[in-house]
């Protein structure tokens, strides 16, 4: 199954810039996307590298941007677990 992967050179800048432009704190984006503010913080700090496809879509939707602006397809190794993940490269 494919994962979603953020452009590793722009994750922090792009995500934070979009959050700032749209007035989103980490807590607010977490509420809109259905995850914790600490998870958003980990994405911004490039500590987290995966999320579900549904969460990736909710983050893009909350920020009102196309999914492909934040995430790109990335083939994952299928070991039977987490085969439906989206990858965010740090």
PDB file of N, CA and C in Angstrom:
ATOM      1  N   UNK A   1       0.831  -1.183   0.000  1.00  0.00           N
ATOM      2  CA  UNK A   1       0.000   0.000   0.000  1.00  0.00           C
ATOM      3  C   UNK A   1       0.874   1.244   0.000  1.00  0.00           C
ATOM      4  N   UNK A   2       0.389   2.314  -0.546  1.00  0.00           N
ATOM      5  CA  UNK A   2       1.163   3.548  -0.638  1.00  0.00           C
ATOM      6  C   UNK A   2       1.035   4.364   0.640  1.00  0.00           C
ATOM      7  N   UNK A   3       2.069   5.078   0.944  1.00  0.00           N
ATOM      8  CA  UNK A   3       2.077   6.013   2.058  1.00  0.00           C
ATOM      9  C   UNK A   3       2.093   7.414   1.474  1.00  0.00           C
ATOM     10  N   UNK A   4       1.900   8.386   2.331  1.00  0.00           N
ATOM     11  CA  UNK A   4       2.040   9.775   1.923  1.00  0.00           C
ATOM     12  C   UNK A   4       3.303  10.306   2.559  1.00  0.00           C
ATOM     13  N   UNK A   5       4.070  11.047   1.789  1.00  0.00           N
ATOM     14  CA  UNK A   5       5.360  11.532   2.239  1.00  0.00           C
ATOM     15  C   UNK A   5       5.451  13.024   1.962  1.00  0.00           C
ATOM     16  N   UNK A   6       5.899  13.762   2.970  1.00  0.00           N
ATOM     17  CA  UNK A   6       6.092  15.194   2.777  1.00  0.00           C
ATOM     18  C   UNK A   6       7.456  15.459   2.179  1.00  0.00           C
ATOM     19  N   UNK A   7       7.560  16.532   1.428  1.00  0.00           N
ATOM     20  CA  UNK A   7       8.844  16.951   0.875  1.00  0.00           C
ATOM     21  C   UNK A   7       9.771  17.257   2.041  1.00  0.00           C
ATOM     22  N   UNK A   8      10.813  16.456   2.190  1.00  0.00           N
ATOM     23  CA  UNK A   8      11.655  16.541   3.379  1.00  0.00           C
ATOM     24  C   UNK A   8      12.336  17.883   3.577  1.00  0.00           C
ATOM     25  N   UNK A   9      12.533  18.644   2.539  1.00  0.00           N
ATOM     26  CA  UNK A   9      13.220  19.923   2.704  1.00  0.00           C
ATOM     27  C   UNK A   9      12.273  21.050   3.084  1.00  0.00           C
ATOM     28  N   UNK A  10      10.975  20.813   2.995  1.00  0.00           N
ATOM     29  CA  UNK A  10      10.028  21.901   3.221  1.00  0.00           C
ATOM     30  C   UNK A  10       8.975  21.626   4.283  1.00  0.00           C
ATOM     31  N   UNK A  11       9.001  20.460   4.930  1.00  0.00           N
ATOM     32  CA  UNK A  11       7.921  20.122   5.853  1.00  0.00           C
ATOM     33  C   UNK A  11       7.712  21.173   6.923  1.00  0.00           C
ATOM     34  N   UNK A  12       8.745  21.506   7.623  1.00  0.00           N
ATOM     35  CA  UNK A  12       8.600  22.444   8.736  1.00  0.00           C
ATOM     36  C   UNK A  12       8.130  23.797   8.229  1.00  0.00           C
ATOM     37  N   UNK A  13       8.783  24.317   7.215  1.00  0.00           N
ATOM     38  CA  UNK A  13       8.442  25.640   6.694  1.00  0.00           C
ATOM     39  C   UNK A  13       7.035  25.676   6.085  1.00  0.00           C
ATOM     40  N   UNK A  14       6.700  24.688   5.282  1.00  0.00           N
ATOM     41  CA  UNK A  14       5.399  24.674   4.611  1.00  0.00           C
ATOM     42  C   UNK A  14       4.266  24.527   5.605  1.00  0.00           C
ATOM     43  N   UNK A  15       4.361  23.547   6.483  1.00  0.00           N
ATOM     44  CA  UNK A  15       3.288  23.314   7.434  1.00  0.00           C
ATOM     45  C   UNK A  15       3.116  24.516   8.359  1.00  0.00           C
ATOM     46  N   UNK A  16       4.191  25.023   8.878  1.00  0.00           N
ATOM     47  CA  UNK A  16       4.101  26.181   9.777  1.00  0.00           C
ATOM     48  C   UNK A  16       3.603  27.423   9.049  1.00  0.00           C
ATOM     49  N   UNK A  17       4.050  27.633   7.827  1.00  0.00           N
ATOM     50  CA  UNK A  17       3.594  28.797   7.062  1.00  0.00           C
ATOM     51  C   UNK A  17       2.092  28.717   6.812  1.00  0.00           C
ATOM     52  N   UNK A  18       1.609  27.548   6.435  1.00  0.00           N
ATOM     53  CA  UNK A  18       0.174  27.378   6.207  1.00  0.00           C
ATOM     54  C   UNK A  18      -0.612  27.585   7.495  1.00  0.00           C
ATOM     55  N   UNK A  19      -0.099  27.054   8.594  1.00  0.00           N
ATOM     56  CA  UNK A  19      -0.766  27.238   9.883  1.00  0.00           C
ATOM     57  C   UNK A  19      -0.824  28.722  10.238  1.00  0.00           C
ATOM     58  N   UNK A  20       0.276  29.430  10.056  1.00  0.00           N
ATOM     59  CA  UNK A  20       0.315  30.863  10.360  1.00  0.00           C
ATOM     60  C   UNK A  20      -0.632  31.662   9.467  1.00  0.00           C
ATOM     61  N   UNK A  21      -0.618  31.374   8.167  1.00  0.00           N
ATOM     62  CA  UNK A  21      -1.467  32.094   7.220  1.00  0.00           C
ATOM     63  C   UNK A  21      -2.946  31.927   7.542  1.00  0.00           C
ATOM     64  N   UNK A  22      -3.304  30.758   8.047  1.00  0.00           N
ATOM     65  CA  UNK A  22      -4.706  30.457   8.305  1.00  0.00           C
ATOM     66  C   UNK A  22      -5.091  30.602   9.779  1.00  0.00           C
ATOM     67  N   UNK A  23      -4.153  31.065  10.581  1.00  0.00           N
ATOM     68  CA  UNK A  23      -4.444  31.313  11.992  1.00  0.00           C
ATOM     69  C   UNK A  23      -4.625  30.068  12.830  1.00  0.00           C
ATOM     70  N   UNK A  24      -3.918  29.007  12.486  1.00  0.00           N
ATOM     71  CA  UNK A  24      -4.030  27.745  13.220  1.00  0.00           C
ATOM     72  C   UNK A  24      -2.883  27.585  14.206  1.00  0.00           C
ATOM     73  N   UNK A  25      -3.217  27.355  15.460  1.00  0.00           N
ATOM     74  CA  UNK A  25      -2.223  26.902  16.430  1.00  0.00           C
ATOM     75  C   UNK A  25      -2.129  25.385  16.279  1.00  0.00           C
ATOM     76  N   UNK A  26      -1.175  24.785  16.927  1.00  0.00           N
ATOM     77  CA  UNK A  26      -1.070  23.322  16.893  1.00  0.00           C
ATOM     78  C   UNK A  26      -2.317  22.689  17.494  1.00  0.00           C
ATOM     79  N   UNK A  27      -2.821  23.278  18.564  1.00  0.00           N
ATOM     80  CA  UNK A  27      -4.024  22.753  19.219  1.00  0.00           C
ATOM     81  C   UNK A  27      -5.236  22.849  18.289  1.00  0.00           C
ATOM     82  N   UNK A  28      -5.384  23.986  17.623  1.00  0.00           N
ATOM     83  CA  UNK A  28      -6.536  24.173  16.737  1.00  0.00           C
ATOM     84  C   UNK A  28      -6.471  23.224  15.542  1.00  0.00           C
ATOM     85  N   UNK A  29      -5.299  23.081  14.933  1.00  0.00           N
ATOM     86  CA  UNK A  29      -5.176  22.159  13.805  1.00  0.00           C
ATOM     87  C   UNK A  29      -5.438  20.731  14.270  1.00  0.00           C
ATOM     88  N   UNK A  30      -4.940  20.386  15.434  1.00  0.00           N
ATOM     89  CA  UNK A  30      -5.210  19.060  15.987  1.00  0.00           C
ATOM     90  C   UNK A  30      -6.699  18.810  16.162  1.00  0.00           C
ATOM     91  N   UNK A  31      -7.414  19.805  16.689  1.00  0.00           N
ATOM     92  CA  UNK A  31      -8.867  19.657  16.869  1.00  0.00           C
ATOM     93  C   UNK A  31      -9.564  19.465  15.521  1.00  0.00           C
ATOM     94  N   UNK A  32      -9.210  20.295  14.538  1.00  0.00           N
ATOM     95  CA  UNK A  32      -9.830  20.193  13.218  1.00  0.00           C
ATOM     96  C   UNK A  32      -9.498  18.863  12.542  1.00  0.00           C
ATOM     97  N   UNK A  33      -8.274  18.392  12.710  1.00  0.00           N
ATOM     98  CA  UNK A  33      -7.832  17.175  12.023  1.00  0.00           C
ATOM     99  C   UNK A  33      -8.160  15.911  12.811  1.00  0.00           C
ATOM    100  N   UNK A  34      -8.504  16.070  14.067  1.00  0.00           N
ATOM    101  CA  UNK A  34      -8.850  14.902  14.879  1.00  0.00           C
ATOM    102  C   UNK A  34      -7.648  14.192  15.472  1.00  0.00           C
ATOM    103  N   UNK A  35      -6.639  14.953  15.856  1.00  0.00           N
ATOM    104  CA  UNK A  35      -5.464  14.381  16.504  1.00  0.00           C
ATOM    105  C   UNK A  35      -5.012  15.331  17.609  1.00  0.00           C
ATOM    106  N   UNK A  36      -4.005  14.955  18.338  1.00  0.00           N
ATOM    107  CA  UNK A  36      -3.540  15.789  19.442  1.00  0.00           C
ATOM    108  C   UNK A  36      -2.662  16.936  18.943  1.00  0.00           C
ATOM    109  N   UNK A  37      -2.582  17.983  19.767  1.00  0.00           N
ATOM    110  CA  UNK A  37      -1.693  19.085  19.417  1.00  0.00           C
ATOM    111  C   UNK A  37      -0.245  18.624  19.441  1.00  0.00           C
ATOM    112  N   UNK A  38       0.065  17.634  20.287  1.00  0.00           N
ATOM    113  CA  UNK A  38       1.444  17.140  20.327  1.00  0.00           C
ATOM    114  C   UNK A  38       1.800  16.406  19.035  1.00  0.00           C
ATOM    115  N   UNK A  39       0.823  15.738  18.410  1.00  0.00           N
ATOM    116  CA  UNK A  39       1.094  15.071  17.131  1.00  0.00           C
ATOM    117  C   UNK A  39       1.431  16.118  16.076  1.00  0.00           C
ATOM    118  N   UNK A  40       0.655  17.201  16.036  1.00  0.00           N
ATOM    119  CA  UNK A  40       0.943  18.282  15.091  1.00  0.00           C
ATOM    120  C   UNK A  40       2.317  18.869  15.395  1.00  0.00           C
ATOM    121  N   UNK A  41       2.623  19.041  16.666  1.00  0.00           N
ATOM    122  CA  UNK A  41       3.936  19.539  17.064  1.00  0.00           C
ATOM    123  C   UNK A  41       5.055  18.645  16.585  1.00  0.00           C
ATOM    124  N   UNK A  42       4.827  17.327  16.668  1.00  0.00           N
ATOM    125  CA  UNK A  42       5.840  16.379  16.182  1.00  0.00           C
ATOM    126  C   UNK A  42       6.010  16.482  14.671  1.00  0.00           C
ATOM    127  N   UNK A  43       4.917  16.714  13.948  1.00  0.00           N
ATOM    128  CA  UNK A  43       5.036  16.920  12.495  1.00  0.00           C
ATOM    129  C   UNK A  43       5.831  18.187  12.200  1.00  0.00           C
ATOM    130  N   UNK A  44       5.535  19.244  12.927  1.00  0.00           N
ATOM    131  CA  UNK A  44       6.232  20.515  12.709  1.00  0.00           C
ATOM    132  C   UNK A  44       7.710  20.419  13.072  1.00  0.00           C
ATOM    133  N   UNK A  45       8.016  19.609  14.067  1.00  0.00           N
ATOM    134  CA  UNK A  45       9.408  19.451  14.498  1.00  0.00           C
ATOM    135  C   UNK A  45      10.110  18.332  13.737  1.00  0.00           C
ATOM    136  N   UNK A  46       9.371  17.708  12.834  1.00  0.00           N
ATOM    137  CA  UNK A  46       9.890  16.615  12.011  1.00  0.00           C
ATOM    138  C   UNK A  46      10.272  15.391  12.839  1.00  0.00           C
ATOM    139  N   UNK A  47       9.582  15.191  13.970  1.00  0.00           N
ATOM    140  CA  UNK A  47       9.809  13.999  14.793  1.00  0.00           C
ATOM    141  C   UNK A  47       8.913  12.845  14.386  1.00  0.00           C
ATOM    142  N   UNK A  48       7.723  13.137  13.894  1.00  0.00           N
ATOM    143  CA  UNK A  48       6.797  12.119  13.423  1.00  0.00           C
ATOM    144  C   UNK A  48       7.017  11.902  11.937  1.00  0.00           C
ATOM    145  N   UNK A  49       6.912  10.632  11.524  1.00  0.00           N
ATOM    146  CA  UNK A  49       7.149  10.345  10.105  1.00  0.00           C
ATOM    147  C   UNK A  49       5.976   9.674   9.412  1.00  0.00           C
ATOM    148  N   UNK A  50       4.961   9.238  10.141  1.00  0.00           N
ATOM    149  CA  UNK A  50       3.819   8.601   9.490  1.00  0.00           C
ATOM    150  C   UNK A  50       2.508   9.050  10.100  1.00  0.00           C
ATOM    151  N   UNK A  51       1.486   8.969   9.287  1.00  0.00           N
ATOM    152  CA  UNK A  51       0.127   9.158   9.770  1.00  0.00           C
ATOM    153  C   UNK A  51      -0.795   8.393   8.835  1.00  0.00           C
ATOM    154  N   UNK A  52      -2.013   8.195   9.269  1.00  0.00           N
ATOM    155  CA  UNK A  52      -2.954   7.458   8.433  1.00  0.00           C
ATOM    156  C   UNK A  52      -3.345   8.301   7.225  1.00  0.00           C
ATOM    157  N   UNK A  53      -3.785   7.648   6.170  1.00  0.00           N
ATOM    158  CA  UNK A  53      -4.253   8.410   5.006  1.00  0.00           C
ATOM    159  C   UNK A  53      -5.391   9.358   5.376  1.00  0.00           C
ATOM    160  N   UNK A  54      -6.260   8.912   6.273  1.00  0.00           N
ATOM    161  CA  UNK A  54      -7.387   9.743   6.676  1.00  0.00           C
ATOM    162  C   UNK A  54      -6.902  11.000   7.411  1.00  0.00           C
ATOM    163  N   UNK A  55      -5.910  10.849   8.274  1.00  0.00           N
ATOM    164  CA  UNK A  55      -5.390  12.003   8.997  1.00  0.00           C
ATOM    165  C   UNK A  55      -4.689  12.971   8.043  1.00  0.00           C
ATOM    166  N   UNK A  56      -3.926  12.451   7.102  1.00  0.00           N
ATOM    167  CA  UNK A  56      -3.274  13.309   6.113  1.00  0.00           C
ATOM    168  C   UNK A  56      -4.321  14.126   5.354  1.00  0.00           C
ATOM    169  N   UNK A  57      -5.422  13.478   4.994  1.00  0.00           N
ATOM    170  CA  UNK A  57      -6.491  14.180   4.280  1.00  0.00           C
ATOM    171  C   UNK A  57      -7.147  15.237   5.157  1.00  0.00           C
ATOM    172  N   UNK A  58      -7.353  14.925   6.444  1.00  0.00           N
ATOM    173  CA  UNK A  58      -7.977  15.898   7.343  1.00  0.00           C
ATOM    174  C   UNK A  58      -7.065  17.099   7.597  1.00  0.00           C
ATOM    175  N   UNK A  59      -5.763  16.867   7.683  1.00  0.00           N
ATOM    176  CA  UNK A  59      -4.822  17.976   7.869  1.00  0.00           C
ATOM    177  C   UNK A  59      -4.867  18.899   6.660  1.00  0.00           C
ATOM    178  N   UNK A  60      -4.800  18.325   5.466  1.00  0.00           N
ATOM    179  CA  UNK A  60      -4.868  19.131   4.238  1.00  0.00           C
ATOM    180  C   UNK A  60      -6.203  19.857   4.138  1.00  0.00           C
ATOM    181  N   UNK A  61      -7.280  19.177   4.488  1.00  0.00           N
ATOM    182  CA  UNK A  61      -8.606  19.790   4.433  1.00  0.00           C
ATOM    183  C   UNK A  61      -8.721  20.938   5.439  1.00  0.00           C
ATOM    184  N   UNK A  62      -8.227  20.731   6.640  1.00  0.00           N
ATOM    185  CA  UNK A  62      -8.286  21.780   7.664  1.00  0.00           C
ATOM    186  C   UNK A  62      -7.525  23.024   7.215  1.00  0.00           C
ATOM    187  N   UNK A  63      -6.411  22.818   6.535  1.00  0.00           N
ATOM    188  CA  UNK A  63      -5.597  23.937   6.058  1.00  0.00           C
ATOM    189  C   UNK A  63      -6.073  24.463   4.705  1.00  0.00           C
ATOM    190  N   UNK A  64      -7.100  23.812   4.163  1.00  0.00           N
ATOM    191  CA  UNK A  64      -7.705  24.218   2.897  1.00  0.00           C
ATOM    192  C   UNK A  64      -6.688  24.231   1.759  1.00  0.00           C
ATOM    193  N   UNK A  65      -5.934  23.137   1.678  1.00  0.00           N
ATOM    194  CA  UNK A  65      -4.966  22.968   0.593  1.00  0.00           C
ATOM    195  C   UNK A  65      -5.156  21.585  -0.011  1.00  0.00           C
ATOM    196  N   UNK A  66      -4.788  21.410  -1.269  1.00  0.00           N
ATOM    197  CA  UNK A  66      -4.858  20.080  -1.865  1.00  0.00           C
ATOM    198  C   UNK A  66      -3.907  19.126  -1.136  1.00  0.00           C
ATOM    199  N   UNK A  67      -4.310  17.900  -1.007  1.00  0.00           N
ATOM    200  CA  UNK A  67      -3.503  16.896  -0.330  1.00  0.00           C
ATOM    201  C   UNK A  67      -2.094  16.826  -0.898  1.00  0.00           C
ATOM    202  N   UNK A  68      -1.990  16.896  -2.225  1.00  0.00           N
ATOM    203  CA  UNK A  68      -0.680  16.765  -2.874  1.00  0.00           C
ATOM    204  C   UNK A  68       0.262  17.931  -2.572  1.00  0.00           C
ATOM    205  N   UNK A  69      -0.269  19.044  -2.059  1.00  0.00           N
ATOM    206  CA  UNK A  69       0.603  20.157  -1.690  1.00  0.00           C
ATOM    207  C   UNK A  69       1.453  19.805  -0.474  1.00  0.00           C
ATOM    208  N   UNK A  70       0.905  18.997   0.420  1.00  0.00           N
ATOM    209  CA  UNK A  70       1.620  18.596   1.627  1.00  0.00           C
ATOM    210  C   UNK A  70       2.223  17.197   1.526  1.00  0.00           C
ATOM    211  N   UNK A  71       1.534  16.306   0.845  1.00  0.00           N
ATOM    212  CA  UNK A  71       1.922  14.900   0.833  1.00  0.00           C
ATOM    213  C   UNK A  71       2.104  14.370  -0.578  1.00  0.00           C
ATOM    214  N   UNK A  72       3.014  13.433  -0.738  1.00  0.00           N
ATOM    215  CA  UNK A  72       3.213  12.720  -1.997  1.00  0.00           C
ATOM    216  C   UNK A  72       3.154  11.227  -1.702  1.00  0.00           C
ATOM    217  N   UNK A  73       2.801  10.456  -2.704  1.00  0.00           N
ATOM    218  CA  UNK A  73       2.741   9.003  -2.534  1.00  0.00           C
ATOM    219  C   UNK A  73       4.127   8.446  -2.245  1.00  0.00           C
ATOM    220  N   UNK A  74       4.172   7.466  -1.400  1.00  0.00           N
ATOM    221  CA  UNK A  74       5.419   6.795  -1.069  1.00  0.00           C
ATOM    222  C   UNK A  74       5.085   5.330  -0.822  1.00  0.00           C
ATOM    223  N   UNK A  75       5.689   4.438  -1.574  1.00  0.00           N
ATOM    224  CA  UNK A  75       5.450   3.007  -1.374  1.00  0.00           C
ATOM    225  C   UNK A  75       6.093   2.578  -0.069  1.00  0.00           C
ATOM    226  N   UNK A  76       5.341   1.826   0.724  1.00  0.00           N
ATOM    227  CA  UNK A  76       5.864   1.343   1.999  1.00  0.00           C
ATOM    228  C   UNK A  76       6.101  -0.149   1.921  1.00  0.00           C
ATOM    229  N   UNK A  77       7.005  -0.610   2.744  1.00  0.00           N
ATOM    230  CA  UNK A  77       7.228  -2.044   2.860  1.00  0.00           C
ATOM    231  C   UNK A  77       6.022  -2.626   3.568  1.00  0.00           C
ATOM    232  N   UNK A  78       5.440  -3.620   3.001  1.00  0.00           N
ATOM    233  CA  UNK A  78       4.252  -4.213   3.599  1.00  0.00           C
ATOM    234  C   UNK A  78       4.642  -5.406   4.451  1.00  0.00           C
ATOM    235  N   UNK A  79       4.466  -5.242   5.746  1.00  0.00           N
ATOM    236  CA  UNK A  79       4.730  -6.332   6.660  1.00  0.00           C
ATOM    237  C   UNK A  79       3.447  -6.772   7.338  1.00  0.00           C
ATOM    238  N   UNK A  80       2.321  -6.356   6.775  1.00  0.00           N
ATOM    239  CA  UNK A  80       1.046  -6.702   7.354  1.00  0.00           C
ATOM    240  C   UNK A  80       0.570  -5.695   8.384  1.00  0.00           C
ATOM    241  N   UNK A  81       1.450  -4.844   8.855  1.00  0.00           N
ATOM    242  CA  UNK A  81       1.102  -3.810   9.817  1.00  0.00           C
ATOM    243  C   UNK A  81       1.339  -2.448   9.194  1.00  0.00           C
ATOM    244  N   UNK A  82       0.486  -1.529   9.537  1.00  0.00           N
ATOM    245  CA  UNK A  82       0.642  -0.144   9.088  1.00  0.00           C
ATOM    246  C   UNK A  82       0.798  -0.025   7.577  1.00  0.00           C
ATOM    247  N   UNK A  83       0.180  -0.916   6.846  1.00  0.00           N
ATOM    248  CA  UNK A  83       0.321  -0.879   5.395  1.00  0.00           C
ATOM    249  C   UNK A  83      -0.494   0.250   4.777  1.00  0.00           C
ATOM    250  N   UNK A  84      -1.355   0.857   5.575  1.00  0.00           N
ATOM    251  CA  UNK A  84      -2.180   1.941   5.074  1.00  0.00           C
ATOM    252  C   UNK A  84      -1.776   3.243   5.764  1.00  0.00           C
ATOM    253  N   UNK A  85      -0.510   3.565   5.730  1.00  0.00           N
ATOM    254  CA  UNK A  85       0.033   4.756   6.369  1.00  0.00           C
ATOM    255  C   UNK A  85       0.426   5.779   5.317  1.00  0.00           C
ATOM    256  N   UNK A  86       0.503   7.008   5.733  1.00  0.00           N
ATOM    257  CA  UNK A  86       1.039   8.067   4.891  1.00  0.00           C
ATOM    258  C   UNK A  86       2.330   8.520   5.564  1.00  0.00           C
ATOM    259  N   UNK A  87       3.353   8.646   4.819  1.00  0.00           N
ATOM    260  CA  UNK A  87       4.659   8.964   5.392  1.00  0.00           C
ATOM    261  C   UNK A  87       4.953  10.447   5.280  1.00  0.00           C
ATOM    262  N   UNK A  88       5.421  11.014   6.352  1.00  0.00           N
ATOM    263  CA  UNK A  88       5.846  12.398   6.401  1.00  0.00           C
ATOM    264  C   UNK A  88       7.342  12.360   6.670  1.00  0.00           C
ATOM    265  N   UNK A  89       8.129  12.787   5.703  1.00  0.00           N
ATOM    266  CA  UNK A  89       9.566  12.696   5.847  1.00  0.00           C
ATOM    267  C   UNK A  89      10.099  13.874   6.630  1.00  0.00           C
ATOM    268  N   UNK A  90      10.941  13.571   7.582  1.00  0.00           N
ATOM    269  CA  UNK A  90      11.539  14.632   8.408  1.00  0.00           C
ATOM    270  C   UNK A  90      12.820  15.134   7.792  1.00  0.00           C
TER     271      UNK A  90
END
